[in-house]
Amino acid sequence: MHEELVAIKGVNDGLLISLSTTESWQSVTDQLAARIDEKAQFYAGANITVELGERPVPKYELSSLKALLERRGLTLSLVRSESDTTRNSAVSLDVPTDNHVAPKAPDPAPLETAPVNPEEKGTQGVLFRRTLRSGRTIHSEGHVIVFGDVNPGAKVIAVGDIVVWGKLRGYVHAGVGGDESAIVCALEMSPSQLRIAEYVVTSPAGKRRKIKPEVALVRDNQIIVESRE
């Protein structure tokens, strides 16, 4: 099945890609290439951690995976594996490795035990607890909260909303995939470029005279920025 071959999720330092340990390598890598190509803009520039479990991956196969990612502007930064063969392959390619396998997420608590209205549905997101410096990129298929600044040269790319509890001076793209209801919030809104869905704005030259929380959203087919005081 599609979900069994490749699983992709956003993490603080990039993307975690889990690959099937039983299907043929060609089928798995073909599926991975197709998944990345579907959202090329969303994945661009990400650091990749690949989870391979107990699957023994020889050097030529891991090298082909590394090349597949690099052709798409992605960096293979870590290989997780329980296989000596796979770890040796990673070492020979100068790719960091460990034998940690991400634990299966626990089943959600039954609704009757949750202290919230069961009709109120939440959505997943990523919380980043430090300043995002130049050259760093966050990707999320949900929302992103940065508890710090987003410096010039840094990027935040999210399918959902983006909230910056600090100065937003880098590149942000909320609503990737076309969600025009997505918003961008910041304590100081001075992005190098701000995108919501397919709409784009850049900050005017010069410093603001007053620093205040603001939210960017799409209204009447354009991005507007409103203060929140």
N, C-alpha and C. Protein backbone atom coordinates (compact mmCIF):
# COMPACT_ATOMS: atom_id res chain seq x y z
N MET A 1 0.84 -1.20 0.00
CA MET A 1 0.00 0.00 0.00
C MET A 1 0.89 1.25 0.00
N HIS A 2 0.31 2.35 -0.44
CA HIS A 2 1.03 3.61 -0.55
C HIS A 2 1.65 4.02 0.78
N GLU A 3 0.83 3.93 1.87
CA GLU A 3 1.31 4.38 3.16
C GLU A 3 2.39 3.45 3.72
N GLU A 4 2.40 2.19 3.31
CA GLU A 4 3.33 1.22 3.87
C GLU A 4 4.71 1.34 3.24
N LEU A 5 4.80 1.86 2.02
CA LEU A 5 6.09 1.97 1.36
C LEU A 5 6.91 3.14 1.90
N VAL A 6 6.28 4.30 2.04
CA VAL A 6 7.00 5.52 2.43
C VAL A 6 6.13 6.32 3.40
N ALA A 7 6.72 6.75 4.52
CA ALA A 7 6.04 7.64 5.45
C ALA A 7 6.94 8.86 5.66
N ILE A 8 6.38 10.06 5.50
CA ILE A 8 7.16 11.29 5.62
C ILE A 8 6.49 12.19 6.66
N LYS A 9 7.29 12.70 7.59
CA LYS A 9 6.74 13.66 8.55
C LYS A 9 7.80 14.71 8.88
N GLY A 10 7.32 15.90 9.22
CA GLY A 10 8.21 16.98 9.58
C GLY A 10 8.73 16.83 11.00
N VAL A 11 10.00 17.15 11.21
CA VAL A 11 10.61 17.20 12.54
C VAL A 11 11.36 18.52 12.63
N ASN A 12 11.86 18.85 13.83
CA ASN A 12 12.49 20.16 14.05
C ASN A 12 13.63 20.46 13.08
N ASP A 13 14.42 19.44 12.76
CA ASP A 13 15.60 19.68 11.93
C ASP A 13 15.41 19.30 10.47
N GLY A 14 14.18 19.07 10.04
CA GLY A 14 13.94 18.71 8.63
C GLY A 14 12.81 17.72 8.48
N LEU A 15 13.09 16.60 7.79
CA LEU A 15 12.08 15.60 7.53
C LEU A 15 12.57 14.22 7.95
N LEU A 16 11.66 13.41 8.51
CA LEU A 16 11.94 12.02 8.82
C LEU A 16 11.20 11.17 7.80
N ILE A 17 11.95 10.36 7.05
CA ILE A 17 11.37 9.48 6.03
C ILE A 17 11.57 8.04 6.46
N SER A 18 10.47 7.31 6.66
CA SER A 18 10.53 5.90 7.02
C SER A 18 10.19 5.07 5.79
N LEU A 19 11.07 4.13 5.46
CA LEU A 19 10.90 3.31 4.26
C LEU A 19 10.54 1.87 4.64
N SER A 20 9.74 1.24 3.81
CA SER A 20 9.35 -0.15 4.04
C SER A 20 10.58 -1.04 4.16
N THR A 21 10.51 -2.00 5.08
CA THR A 21 11.61 -2.93 5.27
C THR A 21 11.41 -4.24 4.52
N THR A 22 10.26 -4.39 3.83
CA THR A 22 9.95 -5.67 3.17
C THR A 22 9.79 -5.57 1.66
N GLU A 23 9.32 -4.43 1.16
CA GLU A 23 9.09 -4.29 -0.28
C GLU A 23 10.42 -4.13 -1.02
N SER A 24 10.40 -4.35 -2.33
CA SER A 24 11.63 -4.24 -3.12
C SER A 24 12.17 -2.82 -3.05
N TRP A 25 13.51 -2.71 -3.07
CA TRP A 25 14.15 -1.40 -2.98
C TRP A 25 13.73 -0.48 -4.12
N GLN A 26 13.60 -1.03 -5.31
CA GLN A 26 13.20 -0.23 -6.46
C GLN A 26 11.80 0.35 -6.27
N SER A 27 10.88 -0.48 -5.76
CA SER A 27 9.51 0.00 -5.54
C SER A 27 9.48 1.10 -4.49
N VAL A 28 10.27 0.91 -3.43
CA VAL A 28 10.30 1.90 -2.35
C VAL A 28 10.88 3.23 -2.83
N THR A 29 12.00 3.18 -3.53
CA THR A 29 12.63 4.43 -3.98
C THR A 29 11.81 5.12 -5.07
N ASP A 30 11.15 4.32 -5.92
CA ASP A 30 10.26 4.93 -6.93
C ASP A 30 9.12 5.67 -6.24
N GLN A 31 8.55 5.06 -5.20
CA GLN A 31 7.46 5.69 -4.47
C GLN A 31 7.94 6.95 -3.76
N LEU A 32 9.15 6.89 -3.19
CA LEU A 32 9.71 8.05 -2.51
C LEU A 32 9.90 9.21 -3.49
N ALA A 33 10.47 8.92 -4.65
CA ALA A 33 10.70 9.97 -5.66
C ALA A 33 9.37 10.61 -6.06
N ALA A 34 8.34 9.77 -6.24
CA ALA A 34 7.03 10.30 -6.64
C ALA A 34 6.44 11.19 -5.55
N ARG A 35 6.58 10.77 -4.27
CA ARG A 35 6.05 11.56 -3.16
C ARG A 35 6.75 12.92 -3.07
N ILE A 36 8.06 12.93 -3.24
CA ILE A 36 8.80 14.19 -3.17
C ILE A 36 8.43 15.09 -4.34
N ASP A 37 8.34 14.51 -5.53
CA ASP A 37 8.03 15.31 -6.72
C ASP A 37 6.63 15.91 -6.66
N GLU A 38 5.71 15.28 -5.91
CA GLU A 38 4.36 15.82 -5.76
C GLU A 38 4.37 17.17 -5.05
N LYS A 39 5.33 17.34 -4.11
CA LYS A 39 5.41 18.58 -3.33
C LYS A 39 6.85 19.10 -3.34
N ALA A 40 7.40 19.24 -4.53
CA ALA A 40 8.81 19.61 -4.67
C ALA A 40 9.13 20.91 -3.94
N GLN A 41 8.25 21.89 -4.04
CA GLN A 41 8.52 23.19 -3.40
C GLN A 41 8.49 23.07 -1.88
N PHE A 42 7.62 22.24 -1.36
CA PHE A 42 7.50 22.07 0.09
C PHE A 42 8.75 21.41 0.66
N TYR A 43 9.28 20.39 -0.03
CA TYR A 43 10.41 19.64 0.48
C TYR A 43 11.77 20.27 0.18
N ALA A 44 11.82 21.23 -0.73
CA ALA A 44 13.10 21.77 -1.20
C ALA A 44 13.98 22.27 -0.06
N GLY A 45 15.25 21.85 -0.07
CA GLY A 45 16.23 22.32 0.89
C GLY A 45 16.22 21.62 2.24
N ALA A 46 15.38 20.60 2.40
CA ALA A 46 15.25 19.96 3.71
C ALA A 46 16.41 19.02 4.01
N ASN A 47 16.75 18.90 5.30
CA ASN A 47 17.66 17.87 5.78
C ASN A 47 16.84 16.60 6.04
N ILE A 48 17.34 15.47 5.58
CA ILE A 48 16.56 14.23 5.62
C ILE A 48 17.19 13.22 6.57
N THR A 49 16.37 12.69 7.48
CA THR A 49 16.72 11.52 8.27
C THR A 49 15.94 10.34 7.69
N VAL A 50 16.63 9.27 7.31
CA VAL A 50 15.98 8.10 6.73
C VAL A 50 15.95 6.97 7.75
N GLU A 51 14.77 6.43 8.00
CA GLU A 51 14.56 5.33 8.92
C GLU A 51 14.43 4.03 8.13
N LEU A 52 15.37 3.09 8.33
CA LEU A 52 15.41 1.86 7.54
C LEU A 52 15.20 0.60 8.38
N GLY A 53 15.08 0.75 9.69
CA GLY A 53 14.80 -0.40 10.54
C GLY A 53 15.84 -1.50 10.42
N GLU A 54 15.38 -2.75 10.27
CA GLU A 54 16.28 -3.91 10.19
C GLU A 54 16.70 -4.22 8.76
N ARG A 55 16.26 -3.44 7.80
CA ARG A 55 16.55 -3.72 6.40
C ARG A 55 18.06 -3.58 6.11
N PRO A 56 18.72 -4.61 5.58
CA PRO A 56 20.12 -4.47 5.18
C PRO A 56 20.22 -3.77 3.82
N VAL A 57 20.83 -2.61 3.80
CA VAL A 57 20.94 -1.83 2.56
C VAL A 57 22.41 -1.74 2.18
N PRO A 58 22.82 -2.38 1.08
CA PRO A 58 24.22 -2.30 0.66
C PRO A 58 24.57 -0.90 0.19
N LYS A 59 25.88 -0.66 0.06
CA LYS A 59 26.37 0.68 -0.26
C LYS A 59 25.79 1.20 -1.57
N TYR A 60 25.68 0.36 -2.61
CA TYR A 60 25.22 0.87 -3.90
C TYR A 60 23.76 1.31 -3.83
N GLU A 61 22.94 0.63 -2.99
CA GLU A 61 21.54 1.04 -2.85
C GLU A 61 21.43 2.34 -2.04
N LEU A 62 22.19 2.44 -0.96
CA LEU A 62 22.14 3.67 -0.16
C LEU A 62 22.70 4.84 -0.95
N SER A 63 23.71 4.58 -1.77
CA SER A 63 24.28 5.63 -2.62
C SER A 63 23.24 6.13 -3.63
N SER A 64 22.44 5.21 -4.17
CA SER A 64 21.40 5.61 -5.12
C SER A 64 20.33 6.44 -4.43
N LEU A 65 20.01 6.10 -3.16
CA LEU A 65 19.04 6.89 -2.40
C LEU A 65 19.58 8.29 -2.13
N LYS A 66 20.84 8.37 -1.74
CA LYS A 66 21.47 9.67 -1.48
C LYS A 66 21.44 10.54 -2.74
N ALA A 67 21.75 9.93 -3.89
CA ALA A 67 21.75 10.67 -5.15
C ALA A 67 20.34 11.11 -5.52
N LEU A 68 19.35 10.24 -5.27
CA LEU A 68 17.95 10.57 -5.56
C LEU A 68 17.54 11.83 -4.79
N LEU A 69 17.93 11.91 -3.53
CA LEU A 69 17.59 13.07 -2.71
C LEU A 69 18.35 14.32 -3.17
N GLU A 70 19.63 14.16 -3.46
CA GLU A 70 20.44 15.32 -3.85
C GLU A 70 19.98 15.92 -5.16
N ARG A 71 19.51 15.08 -6.09
CA ARG A 71 18.99 15.61 -7.36
C ARG A 71 17.77 16.49 -7.15
N ARG A 72 17.11 16.32 -6.02
CA ARG A 72 15.91 17.10 -5.71
C ARG A 72 16.19 18.19 -4.68
N GLY A 73 17.47 18.47 -4.46
CA GLY A 73 17.85 19.54 -3.56
C GLY A 73 17.75 19.20 -2.09
N LEU A 74 17.74 17.90 -1.73
CA LEU A 74 17.61 17.46 -0.35
C LEU A 74 18.94 16.87 0.12
N THR A 75 19.16 16.89 1.43
CA THR A 75 20.41 16.40 2.00
C THR A 75 20.14 15.22 2.93
N LEU A 76 20.79 14.09 2.66
CA LEU A 76 20.70 12.94 3.55
C LEU A 76 21.63 13.19 4.73
N SER A 77 21.05 13.56 5.88
CA SER A 77 21.86 13.98 7.03
C SER A 77 22.01 12.90 8.09
N LEU A 78 21.14 11.89 8.09
CA LEU A 78 21.24 10.83 9.10
C LEU A 78 20.52 9.59 8.62
N VAL A 79 21.12 8.42 8.89
CA VAL A 79 20.49 7.14 8.61
C VAL A 79 20.25 6.42 9.92
N ARG A 80 19.02 6.03 10.17
CA ARG A 80 18.67 5.24 11.35
C ARG A 80 18.49 3.80 10.93
N SER A 81 19.18 2.89 11.57
CA SER A 81 19.11 1.49 11.16
C SER A 81 19.56 0.57 12.28
N GLU A 82 18.98 -0.64 12.30
CA GLU A 82 19.41 -1.69 13.22
C GLU A 82 20.32 -2.69 12.51
N SER A 83 20.57 -2.47 11.22
CA SER A 83 21.36 -3.40 10.42
C SER A 83 22.82 -2.96 10.34
N ASP A 84 23.74 -3.88 10.63
CA ASP A 84 25.17 -3.57 10.50
C ASP A 84 25.51 -3.25 9.05
N THR A 85 24.90 -3.97 8.10
CA THR A 85 25.16 -3.72 6.68
C THR A 85 24.81 -2.28 6.32
N THR A 86 23.63 -1.84 6.75
CA THR A 86 23.18 -0.49 6.43
C THR A 86 24.06 0.56 7.10
N ARG A 87 24.40 0.35 8.36
CA ARG A 87 25.24 1.32 9.06
C ARG A 87 26.63 1.41 8.43
N ASN A 88 27.19 0.28 8.02
CA ASN A 88 28.49 0.29 7.35
C ASN A 88 28.41 1.04 6.01
N SER A 89 27.29 0.85 5.31
CA SER A 89 27.10 1.56 4.04
C SER A 89 27.08 3.07 4.27
N ALA A 90 26.36 3.49 5.32
CA ALA A 90 26.27 4.91 5.62
C ALA A 90 27.65 5.49 5.97
N VAL A 91 28.41 4.76 6.79
CA VAL A 91 29.74 5.22 7.17
C VAL A 91 30.63 5.38 5.95
N SER A 92 30.56 4.44 5.01
CA SER A 92 31.40 4.51 3.81
C SER A 92 31.02 5.69 2.92
N LEU A 93 29.78 6.20 3.07
CA LEU A 93 29.32 7.34 2.29
C LEU A 93 29.40 8.65 3.09
N ASP A 94 30.04 8.58 4.27
CA ASP A 94 30.19 9.76 5.14
C ASP A 94 28.85 10.32 5.59
N VAL A 95 27.88 9.44 5.81
CA VAL A 95 26.57 9.85 6.32
C VAL A 95 26.46 9.40 7.77
N PRO A 96 26.17 10.30 8.70
CA PRO A 96 26.01 9.90 10.10
C PRO A 96 24.92 8.84 10.25
N THR A 97 25.09 7.98 11.25
CA THR A 97 24.11 6.90 11.45
C THR A 97 23.97 6.60 12.93
N ASP A 98 22.82 6.07 13.29
CA ASP A 98 22.62 5.50 14.62
C ASP A 98 21.68 4.33 14.49
N ASN A 99 21.48 3.60 15.58
CA ASN A 99 20.62 2.42 15.53
C ASN A 99 19.29 2.65 16.20
N HIS A 100 18.91 3.95 16.29
CA HIS A 100 17.65 4.27 16.94
C HIS A 100 16.50 4.11 15.96
N VAL A 101 15.45 3.42 16.38
CA VAL A 101 14.23 3.31 15.59
C VAL A 101 13.15 4.10 16.31
N ALA A 102 12.55 5.01 15.61
CA ALA A 102 11.53 5.85 16.23
C ALA A 102 10.39 4.98 16.76
N PRO A 103 9.99 5.16 18.03
CA PRO A 103 8.92 4.36 18.57
C PRO A 103 7.59 4.68 17.93
N LYS A 104 6.73 3.67 17.91
CA LYS A 104 5.39 3.86 17.37
C LYS A 104 4.63 4.82 18.26
N ALA A 105 3.95 5.75 17.65
CA ALA A 105 3.19 6.72 18.42
C ALA A 105 2.07 6.02 19.18
N PRO A 106 1.84 6.37 20.44
CA PRO A 106 0.78 5.72 21.19
C PRO A 106 -0.59 6.06 20.62
N ASP A 107 -1.54 5.16 20.81
CA ASP A 107 -2.90 5.41 20.37
C ASP A 107 -3.46 6.59 21.13
N PRO A 108 -4.25 7.44 20.48
CA PRO A 108 -4.83 8.58 21.19
C PRO A 108 -5.74 8.15 22.32
N ALA A 109 -5.80 8.98 23.36
CA ALA A 109 -6.66 8.66 24.50
C ALA A 109 -8.12 8.66 24.06
N PRO A 110 -8.95 7.80 24.65
CA PRO A 110 -10.38 7.80 24.31
C PRO A 110 -10.98 9.16 24.57
N LEU A 111 -11.94 9.51 23.77
CA LEU A 111 -12.54 10.83 23.88
C LEU A 111 -13.12 11.09 25.25
N GLU A 112 -13.67 10.01 25.90
CA GLU A 112 -14.33 10.25 27.16
C GLU A 112 -13.34 10.65 28.26
N THR A 113 -12.03 10.40 28.06
CA THR A 113 -11.05 10.78 29.07
C THR A 113 -10.40 12.13 28.78
N ALA A 114 -10.65 12.67 27.58
CA ALA A 114 -10.01 13.93 27.20
C ALA A 114 -10.78 15.10 27.80
N PRO A 115 -10.10 16.05 28.47
CA PRO A 115 -10.79 17.18 29.10
C PRO A 115 -11.09 18.29 28.11
N VAL A 116 -11.56 17.93 26.92
CA VAL A 116 -11.92 18.92 25.91
C VAL A 116 -13.21 18.50 25.26
N ASN A 117 -13.86 19.45 24.62
CA ASN A 117 -15.08 19.15 23.87
C ASN A 117 -14.72 18.24 22.71
N PRO A 118 -15.30 17.04 22.59
CA PRO A 118 -14.93 16.13 21.50
C PRO A 118 -15.24 16.66 20.12
N GLU A 119 -16.04 17.73 20.04
CA GLU A 119 -16.34 18.31 18.73
C GLU A 119 -15.26 19.28 18.28
N GLU A 120 -14.33 19.63 19.18
CA GLU A 120 -13.25 20.54 18.83
C GLU A 120 -12.05 19.75 18.36
N LYS A 121 -11.77 19.83 17.08
CA LYS A 121 -10.70 19.04 16.48
C LYS A 121 -9.43 19.87 16.36
N GLY A 122 -8.31 19.30 16.76
CA GLY A 122 -7.03 19.96 16.62
C GLY A 122 -6.30 19.48 15.38
N THR A 123 -5.19 20.14 15.04
CA THR A 123 -4.36 19.72 13.91
C THR A 123 -2.92 19.67 14.36
N GLN A 124 -2.11 18.83 13.72
CA GLN A 124 -0.74 18.64 14.14
C GLN A 124 0.13 19.84 13.78
N GLY A 125 1.22 19.97 14.50
CA GLY A 125 2.14 21.06 14.22
C GLY A 125 3.50 20.78 14.82
N VAL A 126 4.43 21.72 14.62
CA VAL A 126 5.79 21.61 15.12
C VAL A 126 6.10 22.84 15.95
N LEU A 127 6.66 22.64 17.16
CA LEU A 127 7.10 23.74 18.01
C LEU A 127 8.62 23.77 18.00
N PHE A 128 9.19 24.91 17.59
CA PHE A 128 10.64 25.07 17.49
C PHE A 128 11.05 26.07 18.55
N ARG A 129 11.80 25.64 19.59
CA ARG A 129 12.05 26.46 20.77
C ARG A 129 13.37 27.23 20.72
N ARG A 130 13.71 27.80 19.62
CA ARG A 130 14.91 28.64 19.56
C ARG A 130 14.89 29.46 18.27
N THR A 131 15.78 30.43 18.21
CA THR A 131 15.86 31.27 17.01
C THR A 131 16.30 30.44 15.81
N LEU A 132 15.65 30.67 14.69
CA LEU A 132 15.98 29.98 13.45
C LEU A 132 16.97 30.86 12.69
N ARG A 133 18.22 30.39 12.58
CA ARG A 133 19.27 31.21 12.01
C ARG A 133 19.38 31.01 10.50
N SER A 134 20.14 31.87 9.86
CA SER A 134 20.31 31.83 8.41
C SER A 134 20.77 30.45 7.94
N GLY A 135 20.14 29.97 6.88
CA GLY A 135 20.49 28.67 6.32
C GLY A 135 19.66 27.52 6.85
N ARG A 136 18.88 27.76 7.92
CA ARG A 136 18.04 26.71 8.48
C ARG A 136 16.65 26.76 7.88
N THR A 137 16.02 25.60 7.76
CA THR A 137 14.68 25.50 7.18
C THR A 137 13.83 24.57 8.02
N ILE A 138 12.59 24.97 8.28
CA ILE A 138 11.61 24.12 8.93
C ILE A 138 10.52 23.78 7.92
N HIS A 139 10.18 22.50 7.82
CA HIS A 139 9.05 22.05 7.00
C HIS A 139 8.03 21.38 7.92
N SER A 140 6.76 21.60 7.68
CA SER A 140 5.73 20.90 8.44
C SER A 140 4.49 20.72 7.57
N GLU A 141 3.88 19.54 7.68
CA GLU A 141 2.61 19.31 6.99
C GLU A 141 1.45 19.75 7.86
N GLY A 142 1.74 20.37 9.00
CA GLY A 142 0.72 20.98 9.85
C GLY A 142 1.06 22.44 10.08
N HIS A 143 0.96 22.88 11.35
CA HIS A 143 1.30 24.25 11.70
C HIS A 143 2.74 24.33 12.22
N VAL A 144 3.30 25.53 12.28
CA VAL A 144 4.64 25.75 12.83
C VAL A 144 4.58 26.90 13.83
N ILE A 145 5.14 26.67 15.03
CA ILE A 145 5.32 27.73 16.01
C ILE A 145 6.81 27.86 16.29
N VAL A 146 7.35 29.06 16.11
CA VAL A 146 8.76 29.32 16.40
C VAL A 146 8.81 30.20 17.64
N PHE A 147 9.37 29.66 18.73
CA PHE A 147 9.52 30.43 19.96
C PHE A 147 10.89 31.08 19.94
N GLY A 148 11.01 32.13 19.12
CA GLY A 148 12.27 32.81 18.88
C GLY A 148 12.14 33.60 17.60
N ASP A 149 13.26 34.07 17.08
CA ASP A 149 13.24 34.85 15.84
C ASP A 149 13.43 33.95 14.63
N VAL A 150 12.99 34.42 13.48
CA VAL A 150 13.31 33.81 12.19
C VAL A 150 14.21 34.81 11.46
N ASN A 151 15.50 34.53 11.46
CA ASN A 151 16.47 35.48 10.93
C ASN A 151 16.48 35.51 9.41
N PRO A 152 17.02 36.60 8.81
CA PRO A 152 17.17 36.63 7.36
C PRO A 152 17.96 35.42 6.87
N GLY A 153 17.51 34.81 5.80
CA GLY A 153 18.16 33.62 5.27
C GLY A 153 17.58 32.32 5.79
N ALA A 154 16.73 32.38 6.82
CA ALA A 154 16.04 31.20 7.34
C ALA A 154 14.68 31.06 6.64
N LYS A 155 14.14 29.83 6.63
CA LYS A 155 12.87 29.57 5.95
C LYS A 155 11.96 28.76 6.86
N VAL A 156 10.65 29.09 6.81
CA VAL A 156 9.63 28.29 7.47
C VAL A 156 8.56 28.00 6.42
N ILE A 157 8.29 26.73 6.19
CA ILE A 157 7.36 26.30 5.14
C ILE A 157 6.35 25.35 5.77
N ALA A 158 5.07 25.67 5.68
CA ALA A 158 4.05 24.88 6.37
C ALA A 158 2.79 24.76 5.54
N VAL A 159 2.14 23.61 5.66
CA VAL A 159 0.84 23.42 5.04
C VAL A 159 -0.22 24.23 5.78
N GLY A 160 -0.02 24.41 7.09
CA GLY A 160 -0.96 25.15 7.91
C GLY A 160 -0.50 26.56 8.21
N ASP A 161 -0.73 27.02 9.46
CA ASP A 161 -0.39 28.38 9.88
C ASP A 161 1.06 28.44 10.38
N ILE A 162 1.58 29.66 10.46
CA ILE A 162 2.92 29.90 11.01
C ILE A 162 2.82 31.00 12.06
N VAL A 163 3.30 30.71 13.28
CA VAL A 163 3.30 31.68 14.37
C VAL A 163 4.73 31.87 14.85
N VAL A 164 5.21 33.11 14.85
CA VAL A 164 6.57 33.43 15.29
C VAL A 164 6.49 34.29 16.54
N TRP A 165 6.92 33.73 17.67
CA TRP A 165 6.94 34.49 18.92
C TRP A 165 8.29 35.20 19.00
N GLY A 166 8.45 36.17 18.09
CA GLY A 166 9.70 36.90 17.97
C GLY A 166 9.68 37.72 16.68
N LYS A 167 10.87 38.01 16.17
CA LYS A 167 10.99 38.81 14.96
C LYS A 167 10.99 37.92 13.72
N LEU A 168 10.11 38.20 12.80
CA LEU A 168 10.06 37.46 11.53
C LEU A 168 10.77 38.29 10.47
N ARG A 169 11.99 37.86 10.11
CA ARG A 169 12.78 38.60 9.12
C ARG A 169 13.27 37.70 7.98
N GLY A 170 12.89 36.43 8.02
CA GLY A 170 13.27 35.49 6.96
C GLY A 170 12.12 35.24 6.00
N TYR A 171 12.18 34.08 5.35
CA TYR A 171 11.18 33.67 4.35
C TYR A 171 10.16 32.74 5.01
N VAL A 172 8.87 33.01 4.80
CA VAL A 172 7.83 32.12 5.30
C VAL A 172 6.80 31.84 4.20
N HIS A 173 6.31 30.60 4.21
CA HIS A 173 5.26 30.21 3.26
C HIS A 173 4.25 29.36 4.02
N ALA A 174 3.10 29.94 4.31
CA ALA A 174 2.01 29.22 4.96
C ALA A 174 0.98 28.80 3.90
N GLY A 175 0.20 27.79 4.25
CA GLY A 175 -0.84 27.35 3.32
C GLY A 175 -0.29 26.70 2.07
N VAL A 176 0.87 26.03 2.19
CA VAL A 176 1.42 25.33 1.03
C VAL A 176 0.40 24.29 0.55
N GLY A 177 0.15 24.27 -0.72
CA GLY A 177 -0.87 23.39 -1.24
C GLY A 177 -2.15 24.13 -1.60
N GLY A 178 -2.21 25.44 -1.27
CA GLY A 178 -3.35 26.24 -1.72
C GLY A 178 -4.34 26.64 -0.66
N ASP A 179 -4.04 26.47 0.63
CA ASP A 179 -4.98 26.85 1.69
C ASP A 179 -4.94 28.35 1.92
N GLU A 180 -5.90 29.07 1.36
CA GLU A 180 -5.93 30.52 1.48
C GLU A 180 -6.42 30.99 2.85
N SER A 181 -6.90 30.08 3.70
CA SER A 181 -7.32 30.46 5.05
C SER A 181 -6.16 30.46 6.04
N ALA A 182 -4.98 30.01 5.61
CA ALA A 182 -3.81 29.99 6.49
C ALA A 182 -3.40 31.41 6.85
N ILE A 183 -2.74 31.56 8.01
CA ILE A 183 -2.29 32.88 8.47
C ILE A 183 -0.84 32.80 8.93
N VAL A 184 -0.19 33.98 9.00
CA VAL A 184 1.15 34.12 9.55
C VAL A 184 1.09 35.19 10.63
N CYS A 185 1.57 34.85 11.83
CA CYS A 185 1.58 35.81 12.94
C CYS A 185 3.00 36.01 13.44
N ALA A 186 3.32 37.21 13.89
CA ALA A 186 4.65 37.48 14.43
C ALA A 186 4.58 38.68 15.37
N LEU A 187 5.50 38.73 16.34
CA LEU A 187 5.58 39.90 17.21
C LEU A 187 6.15 41.09 16.46
N GLU A 188 7.04 40.81 15.48
CA GLU A 188 7.54 41.86 14.59
C GLU A 188 7.55 41.29 13.18
N MET A 189 6.76 41.86 12.30
CA MET A 189 6.55 41.32 10.95
C MET A 189 7.42 42.08 9.94
N SER A 190 8.60 41.54 9.63
CA SER A 190 9.49 42.14 8.63
C SER A 190 10.11 41.05 7.76
N PRO A 191 9.30 40.21 7.13
CA PRO A 191 9.85 39.08 6.37
C PRO A 191 10.54 39.52 5.09
N SER A 192 11.55 38.74 4.67
CA SER A 192 12.16 39.00 3.37
C SER A 192 11.16 38.67 2.27
N GLN A 193 10.36 37.64 2.50
CA GLN A 193 9.24 37.31 1.60
C GLN A 193 8.22 36.51 2.40
N LEU A 194 6.96 36.82 2.20
CA LEU A 194 5.87 36.12 2.88
C LEU A 194 4.90 35.61 1.85
N ARG A 195 4.58 34.30 1.95
CA ARG A 195 3.64 33.69 1.01
C ARG A 195 2.53 33.00 1.80
N ILE A 196 1.33 33.15 1.31
CA ILE A 196 0.19 32.38 1.80
C ILE A 196 -0.48 31.77 0.57
N ALA A 197 -0.52 30.43 0.53
CA ALA A 197 -1.00 29.74 -0.67
C ALA A 197 -0.17 30.24 -1.86
N GLU A 198 -0.80 30.84 -2.86
CA GLU A 198 -0.06 31.32 -4.04
C GLU A 198 0.15 32.84 -4.02
N TYR A 199 -0.23 33.50 -2.93
CA TYR A 199 -0.07 34.95 -2.84
C TYR A 199 1.29 35.28 -2.21
N VAL A 200 1.91 36.36 -2.69
CA VAL A 200 3.27 36.71 -2.26
C VAL A 200 3.36 38.20 -1.95
N VAL A 201 4.04 38.55 -0.84
CA VAL A 201 4.37 39.95 -0.55
C VAL A 201 5.79 40.00 0.00
N THR A 202 6.41 41.17 -0.09
CA THR A 202 7.70 41.41 0.54
C THR A 202 7.58 42.64 1.41
N SER A 203 8.46 42.76 2.41
CA SER A 203 8.40 43.91 3.31
C SER A 203 8.94 45.15 2.63
N PRO A 204 8.35 46.31 2.86
CA PRO A 204 8.89 47.55 2.30
C PRO A 204 10.22 47.89 2.93
N ALA A 205 11.04 48.64 2.22
CA ALA A 205 12.35 49.05 2.74
C ALA A 205 12.17 49.98 3.93
N GLY A 206 13.13 49.97 4.83
CA GLY A 206 13.08 50.85 5.99
C GLY A 206 12.56 50.16 7.22
N LYS A 207 12.87 50.69 8.38
CA LYS A 207 12.45 50.10 9.64
C LYS A 207 11.08 50.61 10.04
N ARG A 208 10.38 49.79 10.77
CA ARG A 208 9.10 50.21 11.30
C ARG A 208 9.31 51.14 12.50
N ARG A 209 8.44 52.08 12.65
CA ARG A 209 8.57 53.01 13.77
C ARG A 209 8.04 52.39 15.06
N LYS A 210 7.16 51.41 14.93
CA LYS A 210 6.55 50.81 16.11
C LYS A 210 6.53 49.30 15.94
N ILE A 211 7.04 48.60 16.96
CA ILE A 211 7.01 47.14 16.93
C ILE A 211 5.74 46.67 17.62
N LYS A 212 4.98 45.82 16.94
CA LYS A 212 3.71 45.35 17.50
C LYS A 212 3.36 44.01 16.86
N PRO A 213 2.61 43.18 17.58
CA PRO A 213 2.19 41.91 17.01
C PRO A 213 1.30 42.14 15.79
N GLU A 214 1.50 41.34 14.75
CA GLU A 214 0.72 41.47 13.53
C GLU A 214 0.38 40.09 12.97
N VAL A 215 -0.66 40.05 12.16
CA VAL A 215 -1.06 38.81 11.51
C VAL A 215 -1.27 39.10 10.02
N ALA A 216 -0.73 38.22 9.19
CA ALA A 216 -0.92 38.33 7.74
C ALA A 216 -1.93 37.28 7.30
N LEU A 217 -2.84 37.69 6.43
CA LEU A 217 -3.87 36.78 5.94
C LEU A 217 -4.31 37.21 4.55
N VAL A 218 -5.02 36.32 3.87
CA VAL A 218 -5.52 36.62 2.54
C VAL A 218 -6.94 37.17 2.66
N ARG A 219 -7.17 38.33 2.03
CA ARG A 219 -8.51 38.92 1.99
C ARG A 219 -8.67 39.63 0.65
N ASP A 220 -9.77 39.38 -0.02
CA ASP A 220 -10.04 40.00 -1.32
C ASP A 220 -8.90 39.76 -2.31
N ASN A 221 -8.43 38.50 -2.32
CA ASN A 221 -7.41 38.08 -3.29
C ASN A 221 -6.07 38.79 -3.13
N GLN A 222 -5.73 39.19 -1.91
CA GLN A 222 -4.42 39.75 -1.67
C GLN A 222 -4.05 39.54 -0.20
N ILE A 223 -2.74 39.58 0.10
CA ILE A 223 -2.28 39.45 1.47
C ILE A 223 -2.34 40.81 2.16
N ILE A 224 -2.97 40.84 3.32
CA ILE A 224 -2.99 42.07 4.12
C ILE A 224 -2.37 41.75 5.48
N VAL A 225 -1.84 42.77 6.14
CA VAL A 225 -1.23 42.63 7.47
C VAL A 225 -1.98 43.52 8.43
N GLU A 226 -2.47 42.93 9.52
CA GLU A 226 -3.24 43.68 10.52
C GLU A 226 -2.53 43.60 11.86
N SER A 227 -2.58 44.70 12.62
CA SER A 227 -1.97 44.71 13.96
C SER A 227 -2.88 44.04 14.95
N ARG A 228 -2.27 43.48 15.99
CA ARG A 228 -3.00 42.85 17.09
C ARG A 228 -2.50 43.46 18.39
N GLU A 229 -3.23 44.41 18.92
CA GLU A 229 -2.79 45.11 20.13
C GLU A 229 -3.77 44.85 21.26
